[in-house]
Protein backbone atom coordinates (compact mmCIF):
# COMPACT_ATOMS: atom_id res chain seq x y z
CA MET A 1 2.14 -2.47 49.91
CA ALA A 2 1.86 -2.03 46.14
CA LYS A 3 3.79 -5.26 45.65
CA SER A 4 1.43 -7.09 47.99
CA LEU A 5 -1.64 -5.74 46.16
CA LYS A 6 -0.13 -6.79 42.83
CA THR A 7 0.47 -10.28 44.19
CA VAL A 8 -3.12 -10.56 45.38
CA ARG A 9 -4.43 -9.48 42.01
CA ALA A 10 -2.24 -11.95 40.17
CA ALA A 11 -3.41 -14.78 42.39
CA THR A 12 -7.07 -13.90 42.03
CA PRO A 13 -8.61 -16.28 39.49
CA GLY A 14 -10.62 -14.94 36.58
CA PRO A 15 -14.24 -15.90 35.98
CA VAL A 16 -14.71 -19.63 35.75
CA PRO A 17 -16.02 -20.56 32.28
CA THR A 18 -19.44 -22.21 32.25
CA ILE A 19 -19.97 -24.86 29.61
CA THR A 20 -23.24 -26.03 28.10
CA VAL A 21 -23.18 -29.20 26.01
CA ILE A 22 -25.90 -29.85 23.43
CA ILE A 23 -26.70 -33.44 22.45
CA PRO A 24 -29.43 -34.18 19.88
CA THR A 25 -30.68 -37.75 19.81
CA PHE A 26 -32.96 -39.99 17.78
CA ASN A 27 -33.47 -43.67 18.68
CA ARG A 28 -30.12 -43.97 20.44
CA GLY A 29 -31.38 -45.02 23.87
CA PRO A 30 -28.87 -47.83 24.45
CA TRP A 31 -25.88 -45.50 23.92
CA LEU A 32 -27.00 -42.58 26.08
CA ALA A 33 -25.47 -43.78 29.36
CA ARG A 34 -21.89 -43.88 28.14
CA THR A 35 -22.22 -40.70 26.06
CA LEU A 36 -23.64 -38.67 28.95
CA ALA A 37 -21.08 -40.11 31.38
CA SER A 38 -18.23 -39.07 29.06
CA VAL A 39 -19.54 -35.50 29.13
CA PHE A 40 -20.39 -35.20 32.82
CA ASP A 41 -17.07 -36.84 33.83
CA GLN A 42 -14.92 -34.24 32.06
CA SER A 43 -12.03 -32.83 34.11
CA ALA A 44 -13.32 -29.34 33.21
CA PRO A 45 -16.80 -29.25 34.75
CA VAL A 46 -19.88 -29.03 32.57
CA ALA A 47 -22.57 -26.71 33.92
CA ASN A 48 -25.44 -28.33 32.06
CA VAL A 49 -26.26 -30.73 29.26
CA ILE A 50 -29.24 -30.17 26.97
CA LEU A 51 -30.36 -33.53 25.60
CA ILE A 52 -32.98 -33.04 22.92
CA ASP A 53 -34.92 -36.04 21.66
CA ASP A 54 -36.11 -35.46 18.10
CA GLY A 55 -39.12 -37.77 18.11
CA SER A 56 -37.53 -41.08 19.14
CA THR A 57 -39.70 -44.17 18.94
CA ASP A 58 -37.50 -46.25 21.25
CA ASP A 59 -37.25 -46.15 25.06
CA THR A 60 -35.09 -43.01 25.22
CA ALA A 61 -37.36 -41.19 27.70
CA ALA A 62 -37.47 -44.13 30.10
CA ARG A 63 -33.70 -44.53 29.93
CA VAL A 64 -33.14 -40.86 30.71
CA GLY A 65 -35.37 -41.14 33.77
CA ALA A 66 -33.45 -44.20 34.96
CA LEU A 67 -30.10 -42.47 34.44
CA LEU A 68 -31.19 -39.49 36.54
CA GLN A 69 -32.12 -41.86 39.36
CA LEU A 70 -28.78 -43.66 39.02
CA HIS A 71 -26.74 -40.44 38.88
CA PRO A 72 -28.13 -37.89 41.37
CA ALA A 73 -25.30 -35.47 40.48
CA TRP A 74 -26.79 -35.15 36.99
CA GLN A 75 -30.10 -33.92 38.37
CA GLY A 76 -30.47 -30.19 37.81
CA ARG A 77 -27.69 -30.30 35.19
CA LEU A 78 -29.37 -32.50 32.60
CA VAL A 79 -32.16 -30.77 30.67
CA PHE A 80 -34.24 -33.24 28.67
CA ILE A 81 -36.43 -31.89 25.84
CA ARG A 82 -38.61 -34.19 23.79
CA HIS A 83 -40.25 -33.63 20.40
CA GLN A 84 -43.33 -35.69 19.66
CA ASP A 85 -42.41 -35.87 15.98
CA ASN A 86 -39.09 -35.95 14.16
CA GLN A 87 -38.40 -32.42 12.91
CA GLY A 88 -34.80 -32.76 11.80
CA LYS A 89 -31.46 -32.25 13.50
CA SER A 90 -31.25 -28.53 12.69
CA VAL A 91 -34.56 -27.81 14.41
CA ALA A 92 -33.48 -29.85 17.44
CA LEU A 93 -30.15 -28.05 17.69
CA ASN A 94 -31.78 -24.63 17.38
CA GLN A 95 -34.23 -25.35 20.17
CA ALA A 96 -31.38 -26.46 22.39
CA LEU A 97 -29.35 -23.35 21.54
CA GLY A 98 -32.26 -21.25 22.74
CA ARG A 99 -31.93 -22.92 26.17
CA SER A 100 -28.14 -22.63 26.40
CA LEU A 101 -26.81 -20.69 29.40
CA GLY A 102 -23.07 -21.34 29.21
CA THR A 103 -20.33 -18.89 28.24
CA TRP A 104 -19.04 -21.79 26.10
CA VAL A 105 -21.07 -24.30 24.13
CA GLY A 106 -20.00 -27.76 23.02
CA PHE A 107 -21.78 -30.33 20.87
CA ASN A 108 -21.86 -34.11 20.90
CA ASP A 109 -23.84 -36.84 19.20
CA SER A 110 -25.78 -39.25 21.39
CA ASP A 111 -23.74 -42.32 20.42
CA ASP A 112 -20.26 -40.75 20.60
CA CYS A 113 -17.96 -40.24 23.58
CA TRP A 114 -15.49 -37.62 24.76
CA LYS A 115 -12.16 -38.60 26.26
CA PRO A 116 -11.68 -37.28 29.82
CA GLY A 117 -9.40 -34.30 29.11
CA LYS A 118 -11.17 -32.95 26.04
CA LEU A 119 -12.69 -29.78 27.45
CA ARG A 120 -9.72 -28.89 29.65
CA SER A 121 -7.33 -29.25 26.71
CA GLN A 122 -9.55 -27.02 24.59
CA LEU A 123 -9.85 -24.33 27.26
CA GLU A 124 -6.06 -24.31 27.57
CA ALA A 125 -5.69 -23.94 23.80
CA LEU A 126 -8.24 -21.13 23.75
CA ALA A 127 -6.32 -19.34 26.53
CA ALA A 128 -3.17 -19.63 24.42
CA PHE A 129 -4.94 -18.21 21.35
CA PRO A 130 -7.27 -15.56 22.80
CA ASP A 131 -8.31 -14.22 19.39
CA CYS A 132 -9.97 -17.56 18.61
CA GLY A 133 -13.62 -17.93 19.49
CA ALA A 134 -13.77 -21.68 18.87
CA CYS A 135 -11.58 -24.75 19.22
CA PHE A 136 -11.76 -28.22 17.69
CA THR A 137 -9.91 -31.49 18.27
CA ASP A 138 -9.18 -34.53 16.19
CA SER A 139 -11.63 -37.44 16.47
CA VAL A 140 -11.19 -41.18 16.05
CA TYR A 141 -13.55 -43.71 14.52
CA VAL A 142 -14.30 -46.71 16.73
CA THR A 143 -15.66 -49.90 15.17
CA ASP A 144 -16.86 -52.50 17.67
CA GLY A 145 -14.41 -51.25 20.31
CA VAL A 146 -11.40 -50.92 18.00
CA GLU A 147 -10.02 -47.50 17.08
CA THR A 148 -9.36 -47.12 13.36
CA ASP A 149 -8.42 -43.93 11.52
CA THR A 150 -8.95 -40.37 12.71
CA THR A 151 -11.31 -37.92 11.08
CA LEU A 152 -8.57 -35.40 10.31
CA SER A 153 -6.43 -38.02 8.58
CA ARG A 154 -9.46 -39.14 6.58
CA GLY A 155 -10.14 -35.50 5.69
CA LYS A 156 -6.45 -35.05 4.75
CA LEU A 157 -6.10 -32.16 7.17
CA ARG A 158 -2.55 -32.02 8.57
CA LEU A 159 -2.02 -29.89 11.66
CA ALA A 160 1.31 -28.70 13.04
CA GLY A 161 2.15 -29.18 16.72
CA PRO A 162 0.01 -30.32 19.65
CA THR A 163 -2.03 -27.10 19.57
CA GLY A 164 -2.22 -24.23 17.14
CA ARG A 165 -4.22 -21.67 15.23
CA LEU A 166 -5.79 -22.98 12.02
CA ASP A 167 -4.48 -21.29 8.89
CA ASN A 168 -6.73 -21.00 5.84
CA ALA A 169 -9.79 -21.91 7.92
CA LEU A 170 -12.24 -20.69 5.30
CA ALA A 171 -10.65 -22.70 2.49
CA ILE A 172 -10.58 -25.79 4.70
CA THR A 173 -14.14 -25.54 6.03
CA GLY A 174 -15.32 -24.67 2.53
CA ARG A 175 -14.79 -28.30 1.58
CA LEU A 176 -17.44 -30.95 2.13
CA SER A 177 -14.94 -33.31 3.74
CA HIS A 178 -12.29 -31.86 6.03
CA GLY A 179 -12.43 -34.02 9.15
CA ILE A 180 -13.47 -31.34 11.65
CA MET A 181 -16.40 -32.82 13.52
CA MET A 182 -19.17 -30.95 15.32
CA GLN A 183 -18.69 -33.39 18.21
CA SER A 184 -15.30 -31.83 18.86
CA ILE A 185 -16.23 -28.14 18.63
CA LEU A 186 -16.23 -25.80 21.65
CA VAL A 187 -17.54 -22.31 20.80
CA ARG A 188 -17.82 -19.11 22.78
CA ALA A 189 -21.48 -18.19 23.24
CA ASP A 190 -21.14 -14.66 21.85
CA VAL A 191 -19.54 -16.08 18.69
CA LEU A 192 -22.45 -18.49 18.35
CA ARG A 193 -24.81 -15.54 18.30
CA GLN A 194 -22.83 -14.06 15.40
CA VAL A 195 -22.89 -17.35 13.48
CA GLY A 196 -26.64 -17.72 13.85
CA MET A 197 -28.82 -20.77 13.99
CA PHE A 198 -28.54 -24.04 12.08
CA ASP A 199 -30.39 -23.94 8.77
CA PRO A 200 -33.75 -25.67 9.45
CA THR A 201 -34.26 -26.39 5.74
CA MET A 202 -31.16 -28.60 5.68
CA ARG A 203 -31.76 -32.14 6.89
CA VAL A 204 -28.21 -33.09 5.89
CA ALA A 205 -24.87 -31.24 5.86
CA GLN A 206 -26.08 -28.76 8.48
CA ASP A 207 -22.81 -29.28 10.37
CA VAL A 208 -20.74 -28.52 7.25
CA ASP A 209 -22.74 -25.33 6.72
CA PHE A 210 -22.39 -24.32 10.36
CA LEU A 211 -18.61 -24.86 10.46
CA PHE A 212 -18.03 -22.69 7.39
CA ARG A 213 -20.14 -19.90 8.88
CA LEU A 214 -18.22 -20.34 12.13
CA ALA A 215 -14.92 -19.84 10.29
CA LEU A 216 -16.35 -16.64 8.80
CA ALA A 217 -17.12 -15.37 12.30
CA THR A 218 -13.91 -16.22 14.18
CA PRO A 219 -10.41 -17.68 13.89
CA LEU A 220 -10.22 -21.33 14.97
CA CYS A 221 -7.64 -23.03 17.15
CA TYR A 222 -7.15 -26.75 17.69
CA VAL A 223 -5.91 -29.53 19.92
CA ASN A 224 -4.13 -32.03 17.71
CA GLN A 225 -5.27 -35.13 19.59
CA PRO A 226 -8.20 -37.52 18.95
CA LEU A 227 -10.30 -36.56 21.98
CA VAL A 228 -13.66 -37.67 20.56
CA GLU A 229 -14.62 -41.27 19.83
CA ILE A 230 -16.98 -41.56 16.85
CA ASP A 231 -18.91 -44.79 17.26
CA ARG A 232 -19.26 -46.62 13.93
CA PRO A 233 -20.06 -50.30 14.63
CA GLN A 234 -20.66 -52.64 11.74
CA GLY A 235 -24.27 -53.35 10.84
CA ARG A 236 -25.83 -50.27 12.48
CA ILE A 237 -27.33 -47.35 10.58
CA HIS A 238 -25.42 -44.19 11.49
CA GLY A 239 -26.70 -40.75 12.31
CA LEU A 240 -29.95 -38.82 12.32
CA THR A 241 -29.90 -38.32 8.53
CA SER A 242 -28.87 -41.74 7.25
CA GLU A 243 -31.91 -41.89 4.97
CA PHE A 244 -30.01 -39.69 2.50
CA THR A 245 -27.13 -41.42 0.72
CA MET A 246 -24.11 -39.39 -0.35
CA GLN A 247 -25.25 -39.46 -3.98
CA SER A 248 -28.98 -38.98 -3.46
CA PRO A 249 -30.53 -36.08 -5.41
CA THR A 250 -31.87 -34.70 -2.12
CA ARG A 251 -28.42 -34.45 -0.59
CA LEU A 252 -26.82 -33.12 -3.78
CA ALA A 253 -29.55 -30.47 -4.13
CA LEU A 254 -28.86 -29.34 -0.56
CA HIS A 255 -25.16 -29.06 -1.42
CA GLU A 256 -26.07 -26.74 -4.29
CA LYS A 257 -28.25 -24.65 -2.00
CA MET A 258 -25.51 -24.48 0.63
CA PHE A 259 -22.85 -23.28 -1.80
CA GLN A 260 -25.28 -20.68 -3.18
CA LYS A 261 -25.74 -19.37 0.35
CA TRP A 262 -21.99 -19.35 0.96
CA LEU A 263 -21.42 -17.39 -2.24
CA VAL A 264 -23.64 -14.60 -0.92
CA LEU A 265 -21.81 -14.64 2.43
CA VAL A 266 -18.29 -14.50 0.99
CA ARG A 267 -19.18 -11.69 -1.40
CA GLU A 268 -20.04 -9.63 1.67
CA GLN A 269 -17.45 -10.88 4.15
CA ALA A 270 -14.57 -12.67 2.39
CA PRO A 271 -14.30 -11.71 -1.30
CA GLN A 272 -11.03 -13.62 -1.62
CA MET A 273 -13.13 -16.80 -1.36
CA ILE A 274 -15.52 -16.02 -4.22
CA ALA A 275 -13.70 -17.98 -6.95
CA LEU A 276 -13.28 -21.04 -4.73
CA ILE A 277 -16.93 -21.14 -3.67
CA GLU A 278 -18.01 -20.62 -7.28
CA ASP A 279 -15.99 -23.72 -8.15
CA ARG A 280 -17.68 -25.65 -5.35
CA LEU A 281 -21.09 -24.54 -6.60
CA GLN A 282 -20.27 -25.57 -10.17
CA ALA A 283 -19.11 -28.96 -8.94
CA ALA A 284 -22.25 -29.45 -6.85
CA ARG A 285 -24.44 -28.69 -9.85
CA SER A 286 -22.40 -31.02 -12.05
CA ALA A 287 -22.83 -33.89 -9.56
CA LEU A 288 -26.55 -33.19 -9.17
CA ALA A 289 -27.11 -33.07 -12.94
CA SER A 290 -25.32 -36.40 -13.41
CA ARG A 291 -27.41 -38.09 -10.74
CA LEU A 292 -30.69 -36.70 -12.07
CA ALA A 293 -29.80 -37.77 -15.60
CA MET A 294 -28.86 -41.28 -14.50
CA GLU A 295 -32.18 -41.56 -12.65
CA GLY A 296 -34.04 -40.57 -15.81
CA ASP A 297 -35.01 -36.99 -14.95
CA ARG A 298 -33.43 -35.32 -17.99
CA ALA A 299 -35.47 -32.12 -17.72
CA ALA A 300 -34.33 -31.46 -14.17
CA ALA A 301 -30.71 -32.29 -15.09
CA LEU A 302 -30.78 -29.81 -17.96
CA GLU A 303 -32.30 -27.16 -15.72
CA VAL A 304 -29.46 -27.57 -13.22
CA LEU A 305 -26.83 -27.30 -15.96
CA ASN A 306 -28.53 -24.22 -17.37
CA ARG A 307 -28.26 -22.61 -13.91
CA SER A 308 -24.59 -23.49 -13.86
CA LEU A 309 -23.92 -21.99 -17.27
CA ALA A 310 -25.91 -18.86 -16.41
CA GLN A 311 -23.60 -18.32 -13.45
CA ARG A 312 -20.40 -18.87 -15.40
CA PHE A 313 -19.55 -20.57 -18.67
CA CYS A 314 -17.73 -23.87 -18.19
CA TRP A 315 -16.83 -26.29 -20.98
CA ARG A 316 -17.51 -29.28 -18.74
CA ALA A 317 -21.01 -28.08 -17.90
CA TRP A 318 -21.74 -27.24 -21.56
CA PHE A 319 -20.46 -30.63 -22.76
CA LYS A 320 -22.45 -32.49 -20.09
CA ARG A 321 -25.58 -30.56 -21.06
CA GLU A 322 -25.12 -31.56 -24.70
CA VAL A 323 -24.57 -35.23 -23.73
CA ILE A 324 -27.83 -35.24 -21.76
CA ARG A 325 -29.71 -33.29 -24.43
CA LEU A 326 -28.63 -35.86 -27.06
CA HIS A 327 -29.71 -38.79 -24.85
CA LEU A 328 -26.11 -40.01 -24.36
CA GLU A 329 -26.35 -40.36 -20.58
CA ARG A 330 -24.47 -43.66 -20.74
CA LEU A 331 -21.30 -41.59 -21.07
CA LEU A 332 -21.87 -40.26 -17.57
CA THR A 333 -21.21 -43.71 -16.09
CA SER A 334 -18.27 -44.63 -18.34
CA GLY A 335 -14.60 -44.31 -17.57
CA TYR A 336 -14.57 -41.23 -19.79
CA GLN A 337 -16.35 -39.41 -17.00
CA THR A 338 -13.28 -39.21 -14.81
CA SER A 339 -11.27 -36.92 -17.05
CA HIS A 340 -14.03 -35.00 -18.82
CA PHE A 341 -17.07 -34.74 -16.57
CA ARG A 342 -16.23 -35.22 -12.93
CA LEU A 343 -15.24 -32.22 -10.85
CA SER A 344 -14.66 -33.11 -7.22
CA LEU A 345 -16.38 -30.90 -4.69
CA ASP A 346 -13.09 -30.85 -2.79
CA ASP A 347 -10.85 -29.91 -5.74
CA GLU A 348 -8.83 -26.76 -5.19
CA ARG A 349 -8.50 -24.20 -7.92
């Protein structure tokens, strides 16, 4: 009798995970059909998709209505929220998070696609590593239908085995470029509550900020396969925040702010990371000062370098400050910069 009861218990399945997928969009109407299909057609069922339109000026709303008529099975599972004005990706994501009902939450961009087994592979990895509250996969760039390099290879992140637990997650996610994409992340809902919302003051790099805070909250596991297709066709502007170039003062200033925030977090939660994040912050300020100086705003550049030196003395920062103070900004664009001025944001100590 006891054996029979044990058998019944072993055969009884546990609670079925419910998955919410959040997709922010902005003027990506033509790509919505294939993106939504790739999510709804997953072999692990998706309970609901929250599609949030951050003030699109194209025909997104009409296309969503047509897709619901074409796919009756999506009705009741697709939640469409529309902002009248563009408020930024962080605001859109936060509003969607407030509507999330799943025990697991995934993210995708409205012009990218998931391969069919993505969610099932991640749930299997998470079952194998139960201490992990989130799982990511590799992703592949697709240019006009042709797969090119993967995001992890571009980020120089080498993973061992088909699945695994990520070592040194904080050091890895503490870089600006590591190859882990938000489109690949699956996070347990209770972990998301610990991480907190996306920073609404950040119109760029909000995913980088979120992933570092995620690594502070939980160990990460992975599926070492490119299960997300990142659409990057030639001649099309990419992303919701493409108005900010990589070297724009706006973006660089946000990097400084982000590393300042991280420094506070690691002092409280991961003191072993303090020196590394201080280096990142110094590098961000160095890059911002160079850009401001080259655009003619010497006063702002000097102010940034003074902040850097107040935090910690650094010969590079001092020398750069003197170059700018003496009106020798031309040195910042010379070959001499490489060895004496430039400090990569991804340099290790």
